[in-house]
Amino acid sequence: MSRVLQSDSSSREGKHVWSKDAKFALMLNKFIVWPLGLWPLECDDAFSRFRNFYAVVSQVWMIGTQATAAYLGCGDVADTVDFVMMTACALMALSKIVTIRLHMSKVHTVFVSALDDWLAVDVDKSRDVLIPFAKTGRFVFYLQMVSAYMSNTLIIIGALPFLIPPAANGTWANVSETLQSRQLPMRTGCMFAGYRDEIYGSLYVYESVMIMITAHGNVGCDVLFFILAMHLCGQIELLKTDVLKIGEDEKVPGEWKNKIVECVHRHIRLLGMAKALNKVVSGVLVIQLLLNAGLNLMLGIRMLIEIKRGSIFNAVRPMIGFNVLMLQLYLLSYASDRLSSQAESILDAVYDSYWYKLPAKLRRDLYFVTMRANKPIYFMAGHFYAMNIENFMNILKASFSYFSILRIMFQA
């Protein structure tokens, strides 16, 4: 299987078989997943495997150092909460990187199908249907990745020695005042600040790269899933326009049969792509929901600590973190809900078509299409929890309920 993927990917990349519209809709994904060694069109060469191995090792290192820093008590209570949150973020990124790698054949199939769909677009009407979905994907890409890069830049720059405030009493008790001014982006200075300048500089760069990999693995992979889901929505919309035309013109039964068979095959292919994407996302969503619950708890604690100290400015950071987490879940819920509603719209398209002009045998064929279109195709977290807007609202309400309980506990 890997040889097939490699040869097919090499031929596509080598010949640059990309139309202008395909680049507009899909090329941004390369910026997200190429650094992680997960670019579907070159996923089995040695350099891709090395990048993927490096990304996995960096996240394991990040989990280890953050957990150790929390255990050693580097900093105050607020810093310990930050260590736990960074550990959870790295776990989330690691789970997505490993899951996509393990299901690379399915991701490759979905992505190549999407690329083929864009290369086959040669009619302006079809392009007009697909472009709005591509624009939605690009908007989410810029929104999420620019926000992630801005946040990470602030974290990296904020650890520079000349920007670090004086250490609080009792913090780094066994570390000299000189070393207290040497911090690292992941706030692990209490473990590594004592090394000589060359090693300290290397660690600073390495931790900066790790933070960016976490952003690509955590936020970036969600953007990849969103863009692919939007493409499927666009293809289903195209299928719906073709279904609406069934029976419109006077044709012999054989011609309409071929048209219906073509629509059925497209419907089956799109449902297969949605099923493959759901298998990739399913395990990731379970981990993300569990970790998000813990992260929301940590963010609530951090925000209440800062409010109790009277530091409103520092309380803004956990509030932003909460909004980012909720936005991630909302985007996946929106993509899942939109994909399901688009699939169910095939049912309305069949009803609004000229089915009554068809022979009875062909009407029965359309009846089977409506039966399948009536079944929702949500992204499922662990195959038991549907990701849709309704369940997202339930998660949001539960998060605010937890925050209210924490607030009462802190006021007691």
Protein backbone atom coordinates (compact mmCIF):
# COMPACT_ATOMS: atom_id res chain seq x y z
CA MET A 1 0.00 0.00 0.00
CA SER A 2 2.78 2.41 0.88
CA ARG A 3 4.46 1.84 -2.50
CA VAL A 4 1.21 2.69 -4.26
CA LEU A 5 0.82 5.86 -2.20
CA GLN A 6 4.41 6.85 -2.81
CA SER A 7 4.31 6.30 -6.58
CA ASP A 8 0.96 8.07 -6.97
CA SER A 9 2.04 10.95 -4.75
CA SER A 10 5.37 11.32 -6.52
CA SER A 11 3.70 11.46 -9.92
CA ARG A 12 1.27 14.15 -8.80
CA GLU A 13 3.87 16.27 -7.07
CA GLY A 14 6.45 15.73 -9.79
CA LYS A 15 4.14 16.80 -12.61
CA HIS A 16 2.54 19.61 -10.55
CA VAL A 17 -0.95 18.49 -11.56
CA TRP A 18 -2.68 21.41 -9.88
CA SER A 19 -5.25 23.72 -11.38
CA LYS A 20 -5.62 27.29 -10.15
CA ASP A 21 -8.82 26.43 -8.29
CA ALA A 22 -7.25 23.31 -6.74
CA LYS A 23 -4.40 25.40 -5.38
CA PHE A 24 -6.88 27.94 -4.04
CA ALA A 25 -8.89 25.28 -2.21
CA LEU A 26 -6.30 22.73 -1.06
CA MET A 27 -2.73 24.03 -1.18
CA LEU A 28 -3.00 25.79 2.18
CA ASN A 29 -3.22 22.34 3.76
CA LYS A 30 0.42 21.79 2.81
CA PHE A 31 1.48 24.66 5.08
CA ILE A 32 -0.36 22.96 7.95
CA VAL A 33 0.70 19.33 7.68
CA TRP A 34 3.97 19.35 5.70
CA PRO A 35 6.09 20.31 8.76
CA LEU A 36 4.53 17.34 10.58
CA GLY A 37 5.38 14.87 7.80
CA LEU A 38 1.67 14.36 7.06
CA TRP A 39 1.30 15.88 3.58
CA PRO A 40 -0.81 13.20 1.81
CA LEU A 41 0.94 13.59 -1.56
CA GLU A 42 4.39 12.83 -0.17
CA CYS A 43 3.80 10.85 2.97
CA ASP A 44 6.12 7.85 2.54
CA ASP A 45 9.53 9.28 1.61
CA ALA A 46 12.35 9.30 4.15
CA PHE A 47 12.26 13.04 4.79
CA SER A 48 8.51 12.95 5.56
CA ARG A 49 9.05 10.09 8.00
CA PHE A 50 11.85 12.04 9.65
CA ARG A 51 9.66 15.15 10.06
CA ASN A 52 6.88 13.04 11.49
CA PHE A 53 9.27 11.32 13.92
CA TYR A 54 10.68 14.70 14.97
CA ALA A 55 7.17 16.07 15.57
CA VAL A 56 6.23 13.06 17.72
CA VAL A 57 9.46 13.24 19.74
CA SER A 58 9.05 16.99 20.28
CA GLN A 59 5.56 16.50 21.72
CA VAL A 60 6.70 13.65 23.97
CA TRP A 61 9.56 15.88 25.17
CA MET A 62 7.12 18.72 25.78
CA ILE A 63 4.82 16.48 27.82
CA GLY A 64 7.75 15.22 29.88
CA THR A 65 9.28 18.62 30.61
CA GLN A 66 5.95 20.26 31.49
CA ALA A 67 4.94 17.43 33.79
CA THR A 68 8.39 17.53 35.45
CA ALA A 69 8.23 21.30 35.89
CA ALA A 70 4.83 20.96 37.56
CA TYR A 71 6.19 18.20 39.84
CA LEU A 72 9.27 20.25 40.81
CA GLY A 73 7.15 23.30 41.57
CA CYS A 74 8.80 25.66 39.09
CA GLY A 75 6.97 28.91 39.78
CA ASP A 76 3.79 29.60 41.71
CA VAL A 77 0.33 28.01 41.57
CA ALA A 78 -0.60 29.90 38.38
CA ASP A 79 2.55 28.58 36.66
CA THR A 80 1.69 25.03 37.74
CA VAL A 81 -1.73 25.40 36.13
CA ASP A 82 0.02 26.58 32.95
CA PHE A 83 2.27 23.49 33.01
CA VAL A 84 -0.76 21.21 33.22
CA MET A 85 -2.49 23.08 30.37
CA MET A 86 0.59 22.87 28.14
CA THR A 87 0.82 19.14 28.88
CA ALA A 88 -2.79 18.67 27.80
CA CYS A 89 -2.21 20.71 24.61
CA ALA A 90 0.81 18.58 23.73
CA LEU A 91 -1.19 15.40 24.38
CA MET A 92 -3.89 16.67 22.04
CA ALA A 93 -1.39 17.52 19.31
CA LEU A 94 0.39 14.17 19.74
CA SER A 95 -2.88 12.23 19.45
CA LYS A 96 -3.79 14.01 16.21
CA ILE A 97 -0.34 13.59 14.64
CA VAL A 98 -0.22 9.87 15.48
CA THR A 99 -3.84 9.24 14.45
CA ILE A 100 -3.44 10.88 11.05
CA ARG A 101 -0.23 8.96 10.47
CA LEU A 102 -1.89 5.65 11.36
CA HIS A 103 -4.83 6.44 9.05
CA MET A 104 -2.72 8.00 6.31
CA SER A 105 -4.17 5.72 3.63
CA LYS A 106 -7.68 7.05 4.36
CA VAL A 107 -6.48 10.67 4.49
CA HIS A 108 -4.63 10.12 1.21
CA THR A 109 -7.77 8.68 -0.41
CA VAL A 110 -9.95 11.59 0.70
CA PHE A 111 -7.38 14.21 -0.29
CA VAL A 112 -6.64 12.73 -3.71
CA SER A 113 -10.37 12.43 -4.38
CA ALA A 114 -10.77 16.09 -3.47
CA LEU A 115 -7.89 17.03 -5.78
CA ASP A 116 -9.41 14.98 -8.61
CA ASP A 117 -12.74 16.71 -8.06
CA TRP A 118 -11.12 20.13 -8.47
CA LEU A 119 -9.18 19.03 -11.55
CA ALA A 120 -12.43 17.80 -13.09
CA VAL A 121 -14.19 21.17 -12.63
CA ASP A 122 -14.48 22.65 -16.10
CA VAL A 123 -17.89 24.31 -15.95
CA ASP A 124 -18.41 27.76 -14.47
CA LYS A 125 -21.63 26.69 -12.74
CA SER A 126 -19.83 23.88 -10.91
CA ARG A 127 -17.04 26.25 -9.92
CA ASP A 128 -19.55 28.78 -8.61
CA VAL A 129 -20.98 26.08 -6.32
CA LEU A 130 -17.61 24.89 -4.96
CA ILE A 131 -15.76 28.19 -4.50
CA PRO A 132 -17.88 29.46 -1.54
CA PHE A 133 -17.07 26.30 0.41
CA ALA A 134 -13.38 26.71 -0.44
CA LYS A 135 -13.51 30.32 0.74
CA THR A 136 -15.03 29.20 4.04
CA GLY A 137 -12.15 26.78 4.51
CA ARG A 138 -9.58 29.47 3.73
CA PHE A 139 -11.24 31.90 6.16
CA VAL A 140 -11.04 29.33 8.96
CA PHE A 141 -7.41 28.62 8.05
CA TYR A 142 -6.39 32.26 8.35
CA LEU A 143 -8.48 32.78 11.49
CA GLN A 144 -7.04 29.79 13.35
CA MET A 145 -3.45 29.75 12.16
CA VAL A 146 -2.87 33.51 12.41
CA SER A 147 -4.34 33.47 15.94
CA ALA A 148 -2.16 30.49 16.89
CA TYR A 149 0.99 32.13 15.51
CA MET A 150 0.26 35.42 17.27
CA SER A 151 -0.31 33.66 20.61
CA ASN A 152 2.81 31.54 20.23
CA THR A 153 4.90 34.55 19.24
CA LEU A 154 3.85 36.31 22.45
CA ILE A 155 4.78 33.22 24.48
CA ILE A 156 8.20 32.92 22.80
CA ILE A 157 9.08 36.62 22.98
CA GLY A 158 7.78 36.89 26.53
CA ALA A 159 10.48 34.50 27.75
CA LEU A 160 13.36 36.69 26.56
CA PRO A 161 15.61 37.62 29.51
CA PHE A 162 15.12 41.39 29.27
CA LEU A 163 11.31 41.00 29.38
CA ILE A 164 11.09 38.71 32.42
CA PRO A 165 9.80 40.35 35.62
CA PRO A 166 11.64 39.75 38.90
CA ALA A 167 10.96 36.36 40.48
CA ALA A 168 8.52 36.25 43.36
CA ASN A 169 9.66 35.36 46.86
CA GLY A 170 9.97 31.62 47.28
CA THR A 171 10.12 31.03 43.52
CA TRP A 172 13.24 29.21 42.35
CA ALA A 173 14.46 29.17 45.95
CA ASN A 174 17.66 27.31 45.14
CA VAL A 175 18.51 29.25 41.99
CA SER A 176 20.73 32.32 41.94
CA GLU A 177 19.39 35.72 40.98
CA THR A 178 21.39 35.66 37.72
CA LEU A 179 19.79 32.42 36.61
CA GLN A 180 16.31 33.64 37.54
CA SER A 181 16.50 36.05 34.60
CA ARG A 182 17.09 33.19 32.17
CA GLN A 183 13.73 31.74 31.23
CA LEU A 184 12.61 29.47 28.39
CA PRO A 185 9.45 29.69 26.23
CA MET A 186 7.84 26.77 28.08
CA ARG A 187 8.83 28.27 31.45
CA THR A 188 11.22 25.42 32.25
CA GLY A 189 14.07 27.73 33.24
CA CYS A 190 14.31 26.20 36.72
CA MET A 191 15.47 22.96 35.07
CA PHE A 192 17.67 24.22 32.23
CA ALA A 193 18.68 27.84 32.96
CA GLY A 194 21.91 26.72 34.66
CA TYR A 195 23.45 25.37 31.45
CA ARG A 196 26.08 27.35 29.58
CA ASP A 197 25.00 29.94 27.04
CA GLU A 198 25.29 27.72 23.94
CA ILE A 199 23.06 24.99 25.37
CA TYR A 200 20.63 27.55 26.79
CA GLY A 201 20.31 29.21 23.36
CA SER A 202 19.78 25.84 21.66
CA LEU A 203 17.08 24.91 24.17
CA TYR A 204 15.38 28.26 23.61
CA VAL A 205 15.19 27.62 19.86
CA TYR A 206 14.14 24.00 20.35
CA GLU A 207 11.30 24.90 22.71
CA SER A 208 10.15 27.63 20.31
CA VAL A 209 9.97 25.07 17.50
CA MET A 210 8.10 22.66 19.79
CA ILE A 211 5.46 25.28 20.53
CA MET A 212 4.93 25.88 16.80
CA ILE A 213 4.68 22.12 16.17
CA THR A 214 2.03 21.94 18.89
CA ALA A 215 0.05 24.66 17.10
CA HIS A 216 0.26 22.80 13.78
CA GLY A 217 -0.59 19.47 15.37
CA ASN A 218 -3.46 20.74 17.50
CA VAL A 219 -5.07 23.68 15.69
CA GLY A 220 -3.72 22.89 12.21
CA CYS A 221 -5.08 19.34 12.06
CA ASP A 222 -8.53 20.62 13.00
CA VAL A 223 -8.30 23.09 10.11
CA LEU A 224 -7.35 20.23 7.77
CA PHE A 225 -10.44 18.25 8.82
CA PHE A 226 -12.59 21.35 8.40
CA ILE A 227 -11.33 22.11 4.88
CA LEU A 228 -11.87 18.51 3.73
CA ALA A 229 -15.36 18.50 5.25
CA MET A 230 -16.21 21.74 3.42
CA HIS A 231 -15.06 20.19 0.16
CA LEU A 232 -17.39 17.24 0.72
CA CYS A 233 -20.22 19.69 1.38
CA GLY A 234 -19.50 21.39 -1.94
CA GLN A 235 -19.48 18.09 -3.83
CA ILE A 236 -22.79 17.06 -2.26
CA GLU A 237 -24.23 20.44 -3.30
CA LEU A 238 -23.14 19.71 -6.90
CA LEU A 239 -24.76 16.29 -6.69
CA LYS A 240 -27.95 17.89 -5.43
CA THR A 241 -28.14 20.21 -8.45
CA ASP A 242 -27.80 17.19 -10.77
CA VAL A 243 -30.47 15.24 -8.87
CA LEU A 244 -32.87 18.16 -9.21
CA LYS A 245 -32.60 17.87 -13.00
CA ILE A 246 -33.61 14.19 -13.10
CA GLY A 247 -36.70 13.85 -15.30
CA GLU A 248 -36.59 17.48 -16.40
CA ASP A 249 -36.05 16.73 -20.10
CA GLU A 250 -37.79 14.20 -22.25
CA LYS A 251 -35.42 11.26 -22.60
CA VAL A 252 -35.73 7.56 -23.22
CA PRO A 253 -35.72 5.45 -20.02
CA GLY A 254 -32.25 4.10 -20.79
CA GLU A 255 -30.71 7.57 -20.76
CA TRP A 256 -32.34 8.44 -17.45
CA LYS A 257 -31.21 5.15 -16.01
CA ASN A 258 -27.59 5.99 -16.87
CA LYS A 259 -28.04 9.44 -15.30
CA ILE A 260 -29.46 7.94 -12.11
CA VAL A 261 -26.70 5.32 -11.95
CA GLU A 262 -24.10 8.09 -12.29
CA CYS A 263 -25.70 10.06 -9.44
CA VAL A 264 -25.90 6.94 -7.26
CA HIS A 265 -22.21 6.17 -7.83
CA ARG A 266 -21.26 9.75 -6.94
CA HIS A 267 -23.44 9.57 -3.85
CA ILE A 268 -21.78 6.32 -2.76
CA ARG A 269 -18.30 7.76 -3.36
CA LEU A 270 -19.02 10.89 -1.33
CA LEU A 271 -20.51 8.87 1.51
CA GLY A 272 -17.41 6.67 1.43
CA MET A 273 -15.17 9.74 1.69
CA ALA A 274 -17.23 11.04 4.63
CA LYS A 275 -17.00 7.64 6.32
CA ALA A 276 -13.22 7.52 5.85
CA LEU A 277 -12.82 11.05 7.25
CA ASN A 278 -15.03 10.13 10.19
CA LYS A 279 -12.83 7.12 11.02
CA VAL A 280 -9.80 9.41 11.18
CA VAL A 281 -11.54 12.05 13.29
CA SER A 282 -13.42 9.69 15.63
CA GLY A 283 -10.58 8.72 17.96
CA VAL A 284 -9.18 12.24 17.96
CA LEU A 285 -12.52 13.70 19.03
CA VAL A 286 -12.77 11.43 22.07
CA ILE A 287 -9.36 12.54 23.32
CA GLN A 288 -10.11 16.17 22.48
CA LEU A 289 -13.40 16.15 24.41
CA LEU A 290 -11.79 14.58 27.48
CA LEU A 291 -8.79 16.91 27.45
CA ASN A 292 -10.97 19.94 26.76
CA ALA A 293 -12.97 19.17 29.89
CA GLY A 294 -9.75 19.12 31.94
CA LEU A 295 -8.36 22.21 30.21
CA ASN A 296 -11.53 24.18 30.82
CA LEU A 297 -11.26 23.28 34.50
CA MET A 298 -7.61 24.43 34.60
CA LEU A 299 -8.39 27.63 32.72
CA GLY A 300 -11.21 28.39 35.14
CA ILE A 301 -8.92 27.86 38.12
CA ARG A 302 -6.21 30.05 36.57
CA MET A 303 -8.66 32.84 35.81
CA LEU A 304 -10.14 32.78 39.32
CA ILE A 305 -6.66 32.86 40.87
CA GLU A 306 -5.75 35.97 38.87
CA ILE A 307 -9.07 37.67 39.65
CA LYS A 308 -8.61 36.94 43.35
CA ARG A 309 -5.13 38.51 43.15
CA GLY A 310 -6.64 41.58 41.51
CA SER A 311 -4.67 41.01 38.28
CA ILE A 312 -7.39 41.46 35.68
CA PHE A 313 -4.85 41.70 32.84
CA ASN A 314 -3.43 38.25 33.62
CA ALA A 315 -6.98 36.86 33.80
CA VAL A 316 -7.47 37.73 30.13
CA ARG A 317 -5.04 35.02 28.95
CA PRO A 318 -7.05 32.04 30.31
CA MET A 319 -10.20 33.65 28.94
CA ILE A 320 -8.60 33.74 25.50
CA GLY A 321 -7.51 30.11 25.94
CA PHE A 322 -11.08 29.10 26.76
CA ASN A 323 -12.36 30.87 23.65
CA VAL A 324 -9.76 29.11 21.49
CA LEU A 325 -10.76 25.68 22.85
CA MET A 326 -14.44 26.37 22.32
CA LEU A 327 -13.76 27.67 18.81
CA GLN A 328 -11.95 24.42 17.95
CA LEU A 329 -14.92 22.36 19.08
CA TYR A 330 -17.36 24.71 17.36
CA LEU A 331 -15.59 24.44 14.01
CA LEU A 332 -15.62 20.64 14.10
CA SER A 333 -19.26 20.65 15.25
CA TYR A 334 -20.19 23.13 12.52
CA ALA A 335 -18.40 21.08 9.84
CA SER A 336 -20.10 17.90 11.03
CA ASP A 337 -23.52 19.55 11.22
CA ARG A 338 -23.14 21.17 7.81
CA LEU A 339 -21.99 17.91 6.24
CA SER A 340 -24.96 16.05 7.68
CA SER A 341 -27.46 18.69 6.58
CA GLN A 342 -25.97 18.71 3.08
CA ALA A 343 -26.27 14.91 2.87
CA GLU A 344 -29.88 15.06 4.04
CA SER A 345 -30.63 17.74 1.44
CA ILE A 346 -30.34 15.02 -1.23
CA LEU A 347 -33.67 13.79 0.11
CA ASP A 348 -35.29 17.16 -0.68
CA ALA A 349 -33.58 17.24 -4.06
CA VAL A 350 -35.11 13.89 -5.04
CA TYR A 351 -38.53 15.07 -3.89
CA ASP A 352 -38.20 18.35 -5.84
CA SER A 353 -37.02 16.58 -9.01
CA TYR A 354 -39.26 15.40 -11.83
CA TRP A 355 -39.41 11.87 -10.44
CA TYR A 356 -43.09 11.53 -11.39
CA LYS A 357 -42.11 11.54 -15.07
CA LEU A 358 -39.90 8.47 -14.64
CA PRO A 359 -40.91 4.84 -15.09
CA ALA A 360 -41.88 2.97 -11.91
CA LYS A 361 -38.63 0.96 -11.86
CA LEU A 362 -36.47 4.09 -11.88
CA ARG A 363 -38.63 5.63 -9.16
CA ARG A 364 -37.76 2.67 -6.93
CA ASP A 365 -34.06 3.36 -7.53
CA LEU A 366 -34.55 6.93 -6.33
CA TYR A 367 -36.42 5.61 -3.30
CA PHE A 368 -33.27 3.76 -2.16
CA VAL A 369 -31.29 6.99 -2.56
CA THR A 370 -33.74 8.81 -0.28
CA MET A 371 -33.49 6.04 2.31
CA ARG A 372 -29.71 6.47 2.52
CA ALA A 373 -29.91 10.26 2.45
CA ASN A 374 -32.22 10.16 5.46
CA LYS A 375 -29.43 8.72 7.61
CA PRO A 376 -27.22 11.41 9.27
CA ILE A 377 -23.44 11.29 8.76
CA TYR A 378 -22.14 13.31 11.71
CA PHE A 379 -18.54 13.14 12.87
CA MET A 380 -18.73 10.74 15.80
CA ALA A 381 -16.51 10.96 18.87
CA GLY A 382 -15.67 7.32 19.52
CA HIS A 383 -18.65 6.24 17.38
CA PHE A 384 -21.10 7.13 20.16
CA TYR A 385 -21.20 10.94 20.54
CA ALA A 386 -22.35 12.98 17.56
CA MET A 387 -20.54 16.27 16.98
CA ASN A 388 -23.20 18.78 16.04
CA ILE A 389 -24.27 22.27 17.09
CA GLU A 390 -26.78 20.95 19.63
CA ASN A 391 -24.17 18.88 21.45
CA PHE A 392 -21.69 21.75 21.24
CA MET A 393 -24.20 23.95 23.06
CA ASN A 394 -24.52 21.24 25.72
CA ILE A 395 -20.74 21.23 26.18
CA LEU A 396 -20.69 25.01 26.40
CA LYS A 397 -23.45 25.04 29.04
CA ALA A 398 -21.65 22.34 31.05
CA SER A 399 -18.41 24.39 30.95
CA PHE A 400 -20.14 27.46 32.35
CA SER A 401 -21.77 25.30 35.03
CA TYR A 402 -18.34 24.01 36.11
CA PHE A 403 -17.02 27.57 36.19
CA SER A 404 -19.91 28.67 38.42
CA ILE A 405 -19.14 25.86 40.89
CA LEU A 406 -15.45 26.82 40.93
CA ARG A 407 -16.31 30.47 41.53
CA ILE A 408 -18.44 29.53 44.54
CA MET A 409 -15.63 27.33 45.90
CA PHE A 410 -13.08 30.16 45.60
CA GLN A 411 -15.42 32.65 47.27
CA ALA A 412 -16.09 30.29 50.21
